[in-house]
Amino acid sequence: MKVKTMNTPNESLMPTEYRYFVVEYYAKPKNPNKTHIKDYMNDEENKSYDEIVSFAKRIKPAIMTKASLILDLHECKVVKCRAIYEADSFPKLLKFYIENHPEEFAHYAPHLIPRQLEKVASV
């Protein structure tokens, strides 16, 4: 799985301004030469996924439409959750993404890491 970060560092914004953590997943064919075969992309074995993580100050309609997961980092709740996640497991989700994307959290939400890790430590 490829992982990309959409946000680029912007020195004019303070990291504390980012409230939402956004994750987008895009399916793509493992073998693009076979996509002409009927129902090729309906088989999970023929897909690979790209993950794009970003932070946002507010949720725009385009983000709400495209995102697979949106976490409100200030209110500690799940804003949007597609079926691949457990909708009520904010601490588990946050812990997973902090562990797998430490550099993004360190840059965009450094103030959240100590506070949130205390909450998710028991998960």
PDB file of N, CA and C in Angstrom:
ATOM      1  N   MET A   1       0.837  -1.166   0.000  1.00  0.00           N
ATOM      2  CA  MET A   1       0.000   0.000   0.000  1.00  0.00           C
ATOM      3  C   MET A   1       0.886   1.234   0.000  1.00  0.00           C
ATOM      4  N   LYS A   2       0.642   2.111  -0.921  1.00  0.00           N
ATOM      5  CA  LYS A   2       1.384   3.363  -0.961  1.00  0.00           C
ATOM      6  C   LYS A   2       0.705   4.362  -0.043  1.00  0.00           C
ATOM      7  N   VAL A   3       1.498   5.177   0.595  1.00  0.00           N
ATOM      8  CA  VAL A   3       0.969   6.195   1.495  1.00  0.00           C
ATOM      9  C   VAL A   3       1.494   7.540   1.041  1.00  0.00           C
ATOM     10  N   LYS A   4       0.581   8.471   0.884  1.00  0.00           N
ATOM     11  CA  LYS A   4       0.952   9.831   0.500  1.00  0.00           C
ATOM     12  C   LYS A   4       0.388  10.790   1.534  1.00  0.00           C
ATOM     13  N   THR A   5       1.057  11.905   1.695  1.00  0.00           N
ATOM     14  CA  THR A   5       0.556  12.964   2.565  1.00  0.00           C
ATOM     15  C   THR A   5       0.218  14.151   1.687  1.00  0.00           C
ATOM     16  N   MET A   6      -1.025  14.614   1.778  1.00  0.00           N
ATOM     17  CA  MET A   6      -1.465  15.706   0.915  1.00  0.00           C
ATOM     18  C   MET A   6      -0.947  17.054   1.378  1.00  0.00           C
ATOM     19  N   ASN A   7      -0.953  17.301   2.663  1.00  0.00           N
ATOM     20  CA  ASN A   7      -0.560  18.607   3.168  1.00  0.00           C
ATOM     21  C   ASN A   7       0.943  18.805   3.008  1.00  0.00           C
ATOM     22  N   THR A   8       1.311  20.005   2.715  1.00  0.00           N
ATOM     23  CA  THR A   8       2.723  20.364   2.720  1.00  0.00           C
ATOM     24  C   THR A   8       2.914  21.389   3.822  1.00  0.00           C
ATOM     25  N   PRO A   9       4.048  21.393   4.468  1.00  0.00           N
ATOM     26  CA  PRO A   9       4.237  22.336   5.574  1.00  0.00           C
ATOM     27  C   PRO A   9       4.021  23.777   5.128  1.00  0.00           C
ATOM     28  N   ASN A  10       3.263  24.501   5.901  1.00  0.00           N
ATOM     29  CA  ASN A  10       2.987  25.910   5.635  1.00  0.00           C
ATOM     30  C   ASN A  10       3.342  26.667   6.904  1.00  0.00           C
ATOM     31  N   GLU A  11       4.381  27.444   6.832  1.00  0.00           N
ATOM     32  CA  GLU A  11       4.894  28.114   8.022  1.00  0.00           C
ATOM     33  C   GLU A  11       3.921  29.146   8.591  1.00  0.00           C
ATOM     34  N   SER A  12       2.958  29.630   7.790  1.00  0.00           N
ATOM     35  CA  SER A  12       2.040  30.644   8.291  1.00  0.00           C
ATOM     36  C   SER A  12       0.940  30.056   9.175  1.00  0.00           C
ATOM     37  N   LEU A  13       0.775  28.737   9.156  1.00  0.00           N
ATOM     38  CA  LEU A  13      -0.261  28.108   9.969  1.00  0.00           C
ATOM     39  C   LEU A  13       0.360  27.460  11.193  1.00  0.00           C
ATOM     40  N   MET A  14      -0.223  27.697  12.327  1.00  0.00           N
ATOM     41  CA  MET A  14       0.223  27.040  13.538  1.00  0.00           C
ATOM     42  C   MET A  14      -0.318  25.615  13.539  1.00  0.00           C
ATOM     43  N   PRO A  15       0.446  24.637  13.992  1.00  0.00           N
ATOM     44  CA  PRO A  15      -0.044  23.263  14.011  1.00  0.00           C
ATOM     45  C   PRO A  15      -1.321  23.088  14.815  1.00  0.00           C
ATOM     46  N   THR A  16      -1.556  23.913  15.804  1.00  0.00           N
ATOM     47  CA  THR A  16      -2.747  23.767  16.632  1.00  0.00           C
ATOM     48  C   THR A  16      -4.024  24.110  15.876  1.00  0.00           C
ATOM     49  N   GLU A  17      -3.925  24.680  14.699  1.00  0.00           N
ATOM     50  CA  GLU A  17      -5.105  25.035  13.930  1.00  0.00           C
ATOM     51  C   GLU A  17      -5.744  23.835  13.248  1.00  0.00           C
ATOM     52  N   TYR A  18      -5.045  22.734  13.119  1.00  0.00           N
ATOM     53  CA  TYR A  18      -5.591  21.564  12.451  1.00  0.00           C
ATOM     54  C   TYR A  18      -6.471  20.785  13.411  1.00  0.00           C
ATOM     55  N   ARG A  19      -7.715  20.653  13.043  1.00  0.00           N
ATOM     56  CA  ARG A  19      -8.687  20.001  13.917  1.00  0.00           C
ATOM     57  C   ARG A  19      -9.048  18.597  13.448  1.00  0.00           C
ATOM     58  N   TYR A  20      -9.052  18.370  12.149  1.00  0.00           N
ATOM     59  CA  TYR A  20      -9.533  17.108  11.611  1.00  0.00           C
ATOM     60  C   TYR A  20      -8.403  16.304  10.977  1.00  0.00           C
ATOM     61  N   PHE A  21      -8.453  15.007  11.195  1.00  0.00           N
ATOM     62  CA  PHE A  21      -7.544  14.073  10.545  1.00  0.00           C
ATOM     63  C   PHE A  21      -8.367  13.340   9.496  1.00  0.00           C
ATOM     64  N   VAL A  22      -7.910  13.374   8.235  1.00  0.00           N
ATOM     65  CA  VAL A  22      -8.678  12.856   7.111  1.00  0.00           C
ATOM     66  C   VAL A  22      -7.884  11.746   6.421  1.00  0.00           C
ATOM     67  N   VAL A  23      -8.565  10.646   6.131  1.00  0.00           N
ATOM     68  CA  VAL A  23      -7.950   9.524   5.427  1.00  0.00           C
ATOM     69  C   VAL A  23      -8.792   9.202   4.198  1.00  0.00           C
ATOM     70  N   GLU A  24      -8.123   9.071   3.060  1.00  0.00           N
ATOM     71  CA  GLU A  24      -8.785   8.672   1.817  1.00  0.00           C
ATOM     72  C   GLU A  24      -8.122   7.410   1.304  1.00  0.00           C
ATOM     73  N   TYR A  25      -8.929   6.478   0.832  1.00  0.00           N
ATOM     74  CA  TYR A  25      -8.419   5.257   0.218  1.00  0.00           C
ATOM     75  C   TYR A  25      -8.898   5.200  -1.218  1.00  0.00           C
ATOM     76  N   TYR A  26      -7.982   4.834  -2.111  1.00  0.00           N
ATOM     77  CA  TYR A  26      -8.317   4.678  -3.516  1.00  0.00           C
ATOM     78  C   TYR A  26      -7.914   3.288  -3.970  1.00  0.00           C
ATOM     79  N   ALA A  27      -8.864   2.580  -4.576  1.00  0.00           N
ATOM     80  CA  ALA A  27      -8.578   1.248  -5.106  1.00  0.00           C
ATOM     81  C   ALA A  27      -8.027   1.397  -6.514  1.00  0.00           C
ATOM     82  N   LYS A  28      -7.034   0.570  -6.818  1.00  0.00           N
ATOM     83  CA  LYS A  28      -6.498   0.545  -8.167  1.00  0.00           C
ATOM     84  C   LYS A  28      -6.208  -0.907  -8.528  1.00  0.00           C
ATOM     85  N   PRO A  29      -6.199  -1.234  -9.801  1.00  0.00           N
ATOM     86  CA  PRO A  29      -5.974  -2.624 -10.195  1.00  0.00           C
ATOM     87  C   PRO A  29      -4.525  -3.052  -9.957  1.00  0.00           C
ATOM     88  N   LYS A  30      -4.349  -4.280  -9.494  1.00  0.00           N
ATOM     89  CA  LYS A  30      -2.998  -4.802  -9.333  1.00  0.00           C
ATOM     90  C   LYS A  30      -2.341  -4.991 -10.690  1.00  0.00           C
ATOM     91  N   ASN A  31      -3.124  -5.398 -11.661  1.00  0.00           N
ATOM     92  CA  ASN A  31      -2.622  -5.569 -13.023  1.00  0.00           C
ATOM     93  C   ASN A  31      -3.510  -4.760 -13.966  1.00  0.00           C
ATOM     94  N   PRO A  32      -3.101  -3.545 -14.334  1.00  0.00           N
ATOM     95  CA  PRO A  32      -3.940  -2.687 -15.191  1.00  0.00           C
ATOM     96  C   PRO A  32      -4.240  -3.282 -16.561  1.00  0.00           C
ATOM     97  N   ASN A  33      -3.436  -4.228 -17.002  1.00  0.00           N
ATOM     98  CA  ASN A  33      -3.659  -4.831 -18.318  1.00  0.00           C
ATOM     99  C   ASN A  33      -4.847  -5.781 -18.341  1.00  0.00           C
ATOM    100  N   LYS A  34      -5.399  -6.113 -17.188  1.00  0.00           N
ATOM    101  CA  LYS A  34      -6.514  -7.054 -17.136  1.00  0.00           C
ATOM    102  C   LYS A  34      -7.847  -6.395 -16.783  1.00  0.00           C
ATOM    103  N   THR A  35      -7.897  -5.102 -16.780  1.00  0.00           N
ATOM    104  CA  THR A  35      -9.134  -4.433 -16.383  1.00  0.00           C
ATOM    105  C   THR A  35     -10.246  -4.594 -17.425  1.00  0.00           C
ATOM    106  N   HIS A  36      -9.924  -5.031 -18.620  1.00  0.00           N
ATOM    107  CA  HIS A  36     -10.950  -5.264 -19.637  1.00  0.00           C
ATOM    108  C   HIS A  36     -11.768  -6.525 -19.335  1.00  0.00           C
ATOM    109  N   ILE A  37     -11.280  -7.378 -18.450  1.00  0.00           N
ATOM    110  CA  ILE A  37     -11.994  -8.596 -18.083  1.00  0.00           C
ATOM    111  C   ILE A  37     -13.195  -8.216 -17.215  1.00  0.00           C
ATOM    112  N   LYS A  38     -14.346  -8.774 -17.552  1.00  0.00           N
ATOM    113  CA  LYS A  38     -15.570  -8.451 -16.828  1.00  0.00           C
ATOM    114  C   LYS A  38     -15.423  -8.805 -15.348  1.00  0.00           C
ATOM    115  N   ASP A  39     -15.847  -7.900 -14.474  1.00  0.00           N
ATOM    116  CA  ASP A  39     -15.829  -8.049 -13.024  1.00  0.00           C
ATOM    117  C   ASP A  39     -14.426  -8.202 -12.438  1.00  0.00           C
ATOM    118  N   TYR A  40     -13.408  -7.790 -13.151  1.00  0.00           N
ATOM    119  CA  TYR A  40     -12.034  -7.899 -12.644  1.00  0.00           C
ATOM    120  C   TYR A  40     -11.864  -7.098 -11.350  1.00  0.00           C
ATOM    121  N   MET A  41     -12.383  -5.898 -11.322  1.00  0.00           N
ATOM    122  CA  MET A  41     -12.222  -5.036 -10.149  1.00  0.00           C
ATOM    123  C   MET A  41     -13.198  -5.380  -9.023  1.00  0.00           C
ATOM    124  N   ASN A  42     -14.149  -6.273  -9.271  1.00  0.00           N
ATOM    125  CA  ASN A  42     -15.060  -6.682  -8.200  1.00  0.00           C
ATOM    126  C   ASN A  42     -14.425  -7.706  -7.277  1.00  0.00           C
ATOM    127  N   ASP A  43     -13.341  -8.307  -7.692  1.00  0.00           N
ATOM    128  CA  ASP A  43     -12.624  -9.279  -6.875  1.00  0.00           C
ATOM    129  C   ASP A  43     -11.562  -8.546  -6.053  1.00  0.00           C
ATOM    130  N   GLU A  44     -11.638  -8.665  -4.724  1.00  0.00           N
ATOM    131  CA  GLU A  44     -10.699  -7.968  -3.834  1.00  0.00           C
ATOM    132  C   GLU A  44      -9.250  -8.388  -4.072  1.00  0.00           C
ATOM    133  N   GLU A  45      -9.028  -9.589  -4.559  1.00  0.00           N
ATOM    134  CA  GLU A  45      -7.667 -10.069  -4.825  1.00  0.00           C
ATOM    135  C   GLU A  45      -6.999  -9.288  -5.952  1.00  0.00           C
ATOM    136  N   ASN A  46      -7.788  -8.613  -6.773  1.00  0.00           N
ATOM    137  CA  ASN A  46      -7.249  -7.878  -7.918  1.00  0.00           C
ATOM    138  C   ASN A  46      -7.047  -6.393  -7.635  1.00  0.00           C
ATOM    139  N   LYS A  47      -7.257  -5.983  -6.397  1.00  0.00           N
ATOM    140  CA  LYS A  47      -7.137  -4.570  -6.035  1.00  0.00           C
ATOM    141  C   LYS A  47      -5.958  -4.342  -5.117  1.00  0.00           C
ATOM    142  N   SER A  48      -5.390  -3.157  -5.233  1.00  0.00           N
ATOM    143  CA  SER A  48      -4.464  -2.651  -4.230  1.00  0.00           C
ATOM    144  C   SER A  48      -4.978  -1.259  -3.874  1.00  0.00           C
ATOM    145  N   TYR A  49      -4.592  -0.783  -2.707  1.00  0.00           N
ATOM    146  CA  TYR A  49      -5.137   0.479  -2.223  1.00  0.00           C
ATOM    147  C   TYR A  49      -4.030   1.487  -1.960  1.00  0.00           C
ATOM    148  N   ASP A  50      -4.333   2.738  -2.284  1.00  0.00           N
ATOM    149  CA  ASP A  50      -3.473   3.859  -1.921  1.00  0.00           C
ATOM    150  C   ASP A  50      -4.162   4.584  -0.774  1.00  0.00           C
ATOM    151  N   GLU A  51      -3.371   4.990   0.196  1.00  0.00           N
ATOM    152  CA  GLU A  51      -3.889   5.712   1.355  1.00  0.00           C
ATOM    153  C   GLU A  51      -3.322   7.124   1.339  1.00  0.00           C
ATOM    154  N   ILE A  52      -4.188   8.092   1.476  1.00  0.00           N
ATOM    155  CA  ILE A  52      -3.758   9.487   1.552  1.00  0.00           C
ATOM    156  C   ILE A  52      -4.247  10.040   2.880  1.00  0.00           C
ATOM    157  N   VAL A  53      -3.322  10.521   3.690  1.00  0.00           N
ATOM    158  CA  VAL A  53      -3.685  11.110   4.981  1.00  0.00           C
ATOM    159  C   VAL A  53      -3.404  12.606   4.934  1.00  0.00           C
ATOM    160  N   SER A  54      -4.269  13.371   5.603  1.00  0.00           N
ATOM    161  CA  SER A  54      -4.076  14.814   5.650  1.00  0.00           C
ATOM    162  C   SER A  54      -4.746  15.358   6.899  1.00  0.00           C
ATOM    163  N   PHE A  55      -4.461  16.607   7.182  1.00  0.00           N
ATOM    164  CA  PHE A  55      -5.073  17.320   8.299  1.00  0.00           C
ATOM    165  C   PHE A  55      -5.809  18.528   7.727  1.00  0.00           C
ATOM    166  N   ALA A  56      -6.920  18.883   8.346  1.00  0.00           N
ATOM    167  CA  ALA A  56      -7.711  20.015   7.857  1.00  0.00           C
ATOM    168  C   ALA A  56      -8.188  20.863   9.030  1.00  0.00           C
ATOM    169  N   LYS A  57      -8.328  22.155   8.758  1.00  0.00           N
ATOM    170  CA  LYS A  57      -8.853  23.057   9.782  1.00  0.00           C
ATOM    171  C   LYS A  57     -10.372  22.983   9.842  1.00  0.00           C
ATOM    172  N   ARG A  58     -11.000  22.737   8.707  1.00  0.00           N
ATOM    173  CA  ARG A  58     -12.450  22.591   8.646  1.00  0.00           C
ATOM    174  C   ARG A  58     -12.796  21.585   7.544  1.00  0.00           C
ATOM    175  N   ILE A  59     -13.984  21.067   7.618  1.00  0.00           N
ATOM    176  CA  ILE A  59     -14.422  20.060   6.659  1.00  0.00           C
ATOM    177  C   ILE A  59     -15.223  20.740   5.560  1.00  0.00           C
ATOM    178  N   LYS A  60     -14.703  20.670   4.356  1.00  0.00           N
ATOM    179  CA  LYS A  60     -15.388  21.206   3.191  1.00  0.00           C
ATOM    180  C   LYS A  60     -16.207  20.080   2.556  1.00  0.00           C
ATOM    181  N   PRO A  61     -17.209  20.415   1.757  1.00  0.00           N
ATOM    182  CA  PRO A  61     -18.026  19.365   1.131  1.00  0.00           C
ATOM    183  C   PRO A  61     -17.204  18.358   0.309  1.00  0.00           C
ATOM    184  N   ALA A  62     -16.180  18.828  -0.374  1.00  0.00           N
ATOM    185  CA  ALA A  62     -15.358  17.919  -1.177  1.00  0.00           C
ATOM    186  C   ALA A  62     -14.623  16.904  -0.295  1.00  0.00           C
ATOM    187  N   ILE A  63     -14.149  17.353   0.851  1.00  0.00           N
ATOM    188  CA  ILE A  63     -13.476  16.447   1.778  1.00  0.00           C
ATOM    189  C   ILE A  63     -14.471  15.431   2.319  1.00  0.00           C
ATOM    190  N   MET A  64     -15.657  15.888   2.670  1.00  0.00           N
ATOM    191  CA  MET A  64     -16.672  14.988   3.211  1.00  0.00           C
ATOM    192  C   MET A  64     -17.071  13.928   2.182  1.00  0.00           C
ATOM    193  N   THR A  65     -17.077  14.287   0.917  1.00  0.00           N
ATOM    194  CA  THR A  65     -17.449  13.350  -0.136  1.00  0.00           C
ATOM    195  C   THR A  65     -16.366  12.310  -0.373  1.00  0.00           C
ATOM    196  N   LYS A  66     -15.111  12.738  -0.432  1.00  0.00           N
ATOM    197  CA  LYS A  66     -14.022  11.832  -0.805  1.00  0.00           C
ATOM    198  C   LYS A  66     -13.445  11.022   0.349  1.00  0.00           C
ATOM    199  N   ALA A  67     -13.561  11.505   1.552  1.00  0.00           N
ATOM    200  CA  ALA A  67     -12.873  10.870   2.682  1.00  0.00           C
ATOM    201  C   ALA A  67     -13.498   9.534   3.063  1.00  0.00           C
ATOM    202  N   SER A  68     -12.633   8.611   3.450  1.00  0.00           N
ATOM    203  CA  SER A  68     -13.081   7.332   3.996  1.00  0.00           C
ATOM    204  C   SER A  68     -13.224   7.422   5.510  1.00  0.00           C
ATOM    205  N   LEU A  69     -12.408   8.271   6.113  1.00  0.00           N
ATOM    206  CA  LEU A  69     -12.418   8.417   7.558  1.00  0.00           C
ATOM    207  C   LEU A  69     -12.083   9.857   7.917  1.00  0.00           C
ATOM    208  N   ILE A  70     -12.846  10.436   8.830  1.00  0.00           N
ATOM    209  CA  ILE A  70     -12.561  11.771   9.351  1.00  0.00           C
ATOM    210  C   ILE A  70     -12.649  11.698  10.865  1.00  0.00           C
ATOM    211  N   LEU A  71     -11.566  12.084  11.531  1.00  0.00           N
ATOM    212  CA  LEU A  71     -11.538  12.125  12.987  1.00  0.00           C
ATOM    213  C   LEU A  71     -11.475  13.575  13.444  1.00  0.00           C
ATOM    214  N   ASP A  72     -12.341  13.940  14.375  1.00  0.00           N
ATOM    215  CA  ASP A  72     -12.300  15.259  14.998  1.00  0.00           C
ATOM    216  C   ASP A  72     -11.350  15.145  16.181  1.00  0.00           C
ATOM    217  N   LEU A  73     -10.182  15.726  16.070  1.00  0.00           N
ATOM    218  CA  LEU A  73      -9.144  15.591  17.082  1.00  0.00           C
ATOM    219  C   LEU A  73      -9.397  16.434  18.328  1.00  0.00           C
ATOM    220  N   HIS A  74     -10.235  17.449  18.208  1.00  0.00           N
ATOM    221  CA  HIS A  74     -10.524  18.297  19.369  1.00  0.00           C
ATOM    222  C   HIS A  74     -11.632  17.706  20.230  1.00  0.00           C
ATOM    223  N   GLU A  75     -12.660  17.176  19.595  1.00  0.00           N
ATOM    224  CA  GLU A  75     -13.779  16.597  20.342  1.00  0.00           C
ATOM    225  C   GLU A  75     -13.631  15.086  20.518  1.00  0.00           C
ATOM    226  N   CYS A  76     -12.563  14.513  19.998  1.00  0.00           N
ATOM    227  CA  CYS A  76     -12.282  13.075  20.146  1.00  0.00           C
ATOM    228  C   CYS A  76     -13.450  12.215  19.675  1.00  0.00           C
ATOM    229  N   LYS A  77     -13.883  12.454  18.433  1.00  0.00           N
ATOM    230  CA  LYS A  77     -14.981  11.656  17.905  1.00  0.00           C
ATOM    231  C   LYS A  77     -14.753  11.374  16.416  1.00  0.00           C
ATOM    232  N   VAL A  78     -15.465  10.373  15.940  1.00  0.00           N
ATOM    233  CA  VAL A  78     -15.419  10.001  14.531  1.00  0.00           C
ATOM    234  C   VAL A  78     -16.504  10.797  13.815  1.00  0.00           C
ATOM    235  N   VAL A  79     -16.112  11.589  12.812  1.00  0.00           N
ATOM    236  CA  VAL A  79     -17.064  12.406  12.063  1.00  0.00           C
ATOM    237  C   VAL A  79     -17.656  11.598  10.911  1.00  0.00           C
ATOM    238  N   LYS A  80     -16.790  10.900  10.185  1.00  0.00           N
ATOM    239  CA  LYS A  80     -17.238  10.071   9.069  1.00  0.00           C
ATOM    240  C   LYS A  80     -16.467   8.769   9.121  1.00  0.00           C
ATOM    241  N   CYS A  81     -17.180   7.692   8.854  1.00  0.00           N
ATOM    242  CA  CYS A  81     -16.539   6.395   8.932  1.00  0.00           C
ATOM    243  C   CYS A  81     -17.192   5.460   7.928  1.00  0.00           C
ATOM    244  N   ARG A  82     -16.417   5.012   6.948  1.00  0.00           N
ATOM    245  CA  ARG A  82     -16.934   4.021   6.014  1.00  0.00           C
ATOM    246  C   ARG A  82     -16.971   2.661   6.690  1.00  0.00           C
ATOM    247  N   ALA A  83     -17.598   1.719   6.082  1.00  0.00           N
ATOM    248  CA  ALA A  83     -17.870   0.411   6.691  1.00  0.00           C
ATOM    249  C   ALA A  83     -16.621  -0.383   7.073  1.00  0.00           C
ATOM    250  N   ILE A  84     -15.449  -0.029   6.538  1.00  0.00           N
ATOM    251  CA  ILE A  84     -14.255  -0.825   6.843  1.00  0.00           C
ATOM    252  C   ILE A  84     -13.742  -0.570   8.254  1.00  0.00           C
ATOM    253  N   TYR A  85     -14.300   0.399   8.942  1.00  0.00           N
ATOM    254  CA  TYR A  85     -13.878   0.731  10.297  1.00  0.00           C
ATOM    255  C   TYR A  85     -15.010   0.478  11.281  1.00  0.00           C
ATOM    256  N   GLU A  86     -14.653   0.379  12.549  1.00  0.00           N
ATOM    257  CA  GLU A  86     -15.655   0.369  13.614  1.00  0.00           C
ATOM    258  C   GLU A  86     -15.947   1.828  13.952  1.00  0.00           C
ATOM    259  N   ALA A  87     -17.178   2.241  13.774  1.00  0.00           N
ATOM    260  CA  ALA A  87     -17.539   3.652  13.914  1.00  0.00           C
ATOM    261  C   ALA A  87     -17.342   4.198  15.325  1.00  0.00           C
ATOM    262  N   ASP A  88     -17.414   3.362  16.332  1.00  0.00           N
ATOM    263  CA  ASP A  88     -17.334   3.860  17.701  1.00  0.00           C
ATOM    264  C   ASP A  88     -15.950   3.688  18.319  1.00  0.00           C
ATOM    265  N   SER A  89     -14.957   3.432  17.536  1.00  0.00           N
ATOM    266  CA  SER A  89     -13.634   3.132  18.086  1.00  0.00           C
ATOM    267  C   SER A  89     -12.625   4.253  17.838  1.00  0.00           C
ATOM    268  N   PHE A  90     -12.969   5.471  18.213  1.00  0.00           N
ATOM    269  CA  PHE A  90     -12.061   6.599  18.030  1.00  0.00           C
ATOM    270  C   PHE A  90     -10.681   6.341  18.640  1.00  0.00           C
ATOM    271  N   PRO A  91     -10.568   5.869  19.873  1.00  0.00           N
ATOM    272  CA  PRO A  91      -9.237   5.654  20.455  1.00  0.00           C
ATOM    273  C   PRO A  91      -8.397   4.641  19.666  1.00  0.00           C
ATOM    274  N   LYS A  92      -9.013   3.560  19.218  1.00  0.00           N
ATOM    275  CA  LYS A  92      -8.276   2.550  18.445  1.00  0.00           C
ATOM    276  C   LYS A  92      -7.800   3.113  17.114  1.00  0.00           C
ATOM    277  N   LEU A  93      -8.678   3.845  16.443  1.00  0.00           N
ATOM    278  CA  LEU A  93      -8.314   4.434  15.156  1.00  0.00           C
ATOM    279  C   LEU A  93      -7.192   5.444  15.315  1.00  0.00           C
ATOM    280  N   LEU A  94      -7.320   6.324  16.303  1.00  0.00           N
ATOM    281  CA  LEU A  94      -6.297   7.337  16.521  1.00  0.00           C
ATOM    282  C   LEU A  94      -4.955   6.692  16.856  1.00  0.00           C
ATOM    283  N   LYS A  95      -4.971   5.705  17.718  1.00  0.00           N
ATOM    284  CA  LYS A  95      -3.738   5.014  18.085  1.00  0.00           C
ATOM    285  C   LYS A  95      -3.088   4.376  16.859  1.00  0.00           C
ATOM    286  N   PHE A  96      -3.893   3.729  16.019  1.00  0.00           N
ATOM    287  CA  PHE A  96      -3.382   3.094  14.810  1.00  0.00           C
ATOM    288  C   PHE A  96      -2.693   4.121  13.906  1.00  0.00           C
ATOM    289  N   TYR A  97      -3.352   5.251  13.667  1.00  0.00           N
ATOM    290  CA  TYR A  97      -2.781   6.241  12.750  1.00  0.00           C
ATOM    291  C   TYR A  97      -1.603   6.991  13.353  1.00  0.00           C
ATOM    292  N   ILE A  98      -1.595   7.238  14.653  1.00  0.00           N
ATOM    293  CA  ILE A  98      -0.428   7.871  15.280  1.00  0.00           C
ATOM    294  C   ILE A  98       0.783   6.954  15.169  1.00  0.00           C
ATOM    295  N   GLU A  99       0.568   5.656  15.365  1.00  0.00           N
ATOM    296  CA  GLU A  99       1.675   4.698  15.267  1.00  0.00           C
ATOM    297  C   GLU A  99       2.179   4.541  13.837  1.00  0.00           C
ATOM    298  N   ASN A 100       1.275   4.630  12.851  1.00  0.00           N
ATOM    299  CA  ASN A 100       1.659   4.404  11.464  1.00  0.00           C
ATOM    300  C   ASN A 100       2.039   5.667  10.702  1.00  0.00           C
ATOM    301  N   HIS A 101       1.713   6.817  11.243  1.00  0.00           N
ATOM    302  CA  HIS A 101       2.054   8.097  10.593  1.00  0.00           C
ATOM    303  C   HIS A 101       2.617   9.067  11.625  1.00  0.00           C
ATOM    304  N   PRO A 102       3.657   8.682  12.347  1.00  0.00           N
ATOM    305  CA  PRO A 102       4.161   9.553  13.420  1.00  0.00           C
ATOM    306  C   PRO A 102       4.703  10.887  12.915  1.00  0.00           C
ATOM    307  N   GLU A 103       5.313  10.905  11.739  1.00  0.00           N
ATOM    308  CA  GLU A 103       5.886  12.156  11.247  1.00  0.00           C
ATOM    309  C   GLU A 103       4.804  13.172  10.894  1.00  0.00           C
ATOM    310  N   GLU A 104       3.669  12.723  10.358  1.00  0.00           N
ATOM    311  CA  GLU A 104       2.580  13.652  10.052  1.00  0.00           C
ATOM    312  C   GLU A 104       1.985  14.221  11.330  1.00  0.00           C
ATOM    313  N   PHE A 105       1.751  13.362  12.321  1.00  0.00           N
ATOM    314  CA  PHE A 105       1.203  13.853  13.590  1.00  0.00           C
ATOM    315  C   PHE A 105       2.196  14.760  14.300  1.00  0.00           C
ATOM    316  N   ALA A 106       3.472  14.439  14.226  1.00  0.00           N
ATOM    317  CA  ALA A 106       4.485  15.271  14.877  1.00  0.00           C
ATOM    318  C   ALA A 106       4.524  16.666  14.269  1.00  0.00           C
ATOM    319  N   HIS A 107       4.288  16.765  12.955  1.00  0.00           N
ATOM    320  CA  HIS A 107       4.333  18.077  12.303  1.00  0.00           C
ATOM    321  C   HIS A 107       3.010  18.832  12.434  1.00  0.00           C
ATOM    322  N   TYR A 108       1.898  18.172  12.116  1.00  0.00           N
ATOM    323  CA  TYR A 108       0.622  18.868  12.022  1.00  0.00           C
ATOM    324  C   TYR A 108      -0.152  18.933  13.325  1.00  0.00           C
ATOM    325  N   ALA A 109       0.104  18.016  14.250  1.00  0.00           N
ATOM    326  CA  ALA A 109      -0.654  18.004  15.494  1.00  0.00           C
ATOM    327  C   ALA A 109       0.217  17.575  16.669  1.00  0.00           C
ATOM    328  N   PRO A 110       1.359  18.228  16.869  1.00  0.00           N
ATOM    329  CA  PRO A 110       2.255  17.788  17.949  1.00  0.00           C
ATOM    330  C   PRO A 110       1.641  17.954  19.341  1.00  0.00           C
ATOM    331  N   HIS A 111       0.770  18.926  19.497  1.00  0.00           N
ATOM    332  CA  HIS A 111       0.130  19.161  20.784  1.00  0.00           C
ATOM    333  C   HIS A 111      -0.847  18.052  21.157  1.00  0.00           C
ATOM    334  N   LEU A 112      -1.316  17.297  20.177  1.00  0.00           N
ATOM    335  CA  LEU A 112      -2.299  16.256  20.438  1.00  0.00           C
ATOM    336  C   LEU A 112      -1.677  14.939  20.869  1.00  0.00           C
ATOM    337  N   ILE A 113      -0.462  14.708  20.470  1.00  0.00           N
ATOM    338  CA  ILE A 113       0.123  13.383  20.700  1.00  0.00           C
ATOM    339  C   ILE A 113       0.177  13.019  22.185  1.00  0.00           C
ATOM    340  N   PRO A 114       0.753  13.820  23.069  1.00  0.00           N
ATOM    341  CA  PRO A 114       0.784  13.406  24.477  1.00  0.00           C
ATOM    342  C   PRO A 114      -0.607  13.244  25.094  1.00  0.00           C
ATOM    343  N   ARG A 115      -1.493  14.192  24.811  1.00  0.00           N
ATOM    344  CA  ARG A 115      -2.839  14.163  25.392  1.00  0.00           C
ATOM    345  C   ARG A 115      -3.631  12.959  24.878  1.00  0.00           C
ATOM    346  N   GLN A 116      -3.575  12.718  23.563  1.00  0.00           N
ATOM    347  CA  GLN A 116      -4.350  11.640  22.971  1.00  0.00           C
ATOM    348  C   GLN A 116      -3.754  10.282  23.318  1.00  0.00           C
ATOM    349  N   LEU A 117      -2.448  10.188  23.395  1.00  0.00           N
ATOM    350  CA  LEU A 117      -1.842   8.895  23.713  1.00  0.00           C
ATOM    351  C   LEU A 117      -2.189   8.461  25.127  1.00  0.00           C
ATOM    352  N   GLU A 118      -2.401   9.404  26.032  1.00  0.00           N
ATOM    353  CA  GLU A 118      -2.858   9.047  27.376  1.00  0.00           C
ATOM    354  C   GLU A 118      -4.228   8.385  27.315  1.00  0.00           C
ATOM    355  N   LYS A 119      -5.092   8.911  26.435  1.00  0.00           N
ATOM    356  CA  LYS A 119      -6.452   8.360  26.316  1.00  0.00           C
ATOM    357  C   LYS A 119      -6.459   6.998  25.648  1.00  0.00           C
ATOM    358  N   VAL A 120      -5.557   6.788  24.681  1.00  0.00           N
ATOM    359  CA  VAL A 120      -5.574   5.533  23.927  1.00  0.00           C
ATOM    360  C   VAL A 120      -4.601   4.506  24.466  1.00  0.00           C
ATOM    361  N   ALA A 121      -3.867   4.834  25.514  1.00  0.00           N
ATOM    362  CA  ALA A 121      -2.879   3.911  26.059  1.00  0.00           C
ATOM    363  C   ALA A 121      -3.512   2.621  26.555  1.00  0.00           C
ATOM    364  N   SER A 122      -4.728   2.715  27.043  1.00  0.00           N
ATOM    365  CA  SER A 122      -5.384   1.516  27.573  1.00  0.00           C
ATOM    366  C   SER A 122      -6.055   0.678  26.503  1.00  0.00           C
ATOM    367  N   VAL A 123      -6.060   1.145  25.267  1.00  0.00           N
ATOM    368  CA  VAL A 123      -6.726   0.418  24.174  1.00  0.00           C
ATOM    369  C   VAL A 123      -5.865  -0.736  23.724  1.00  0.00           C
TER     370      VAL A 123
END
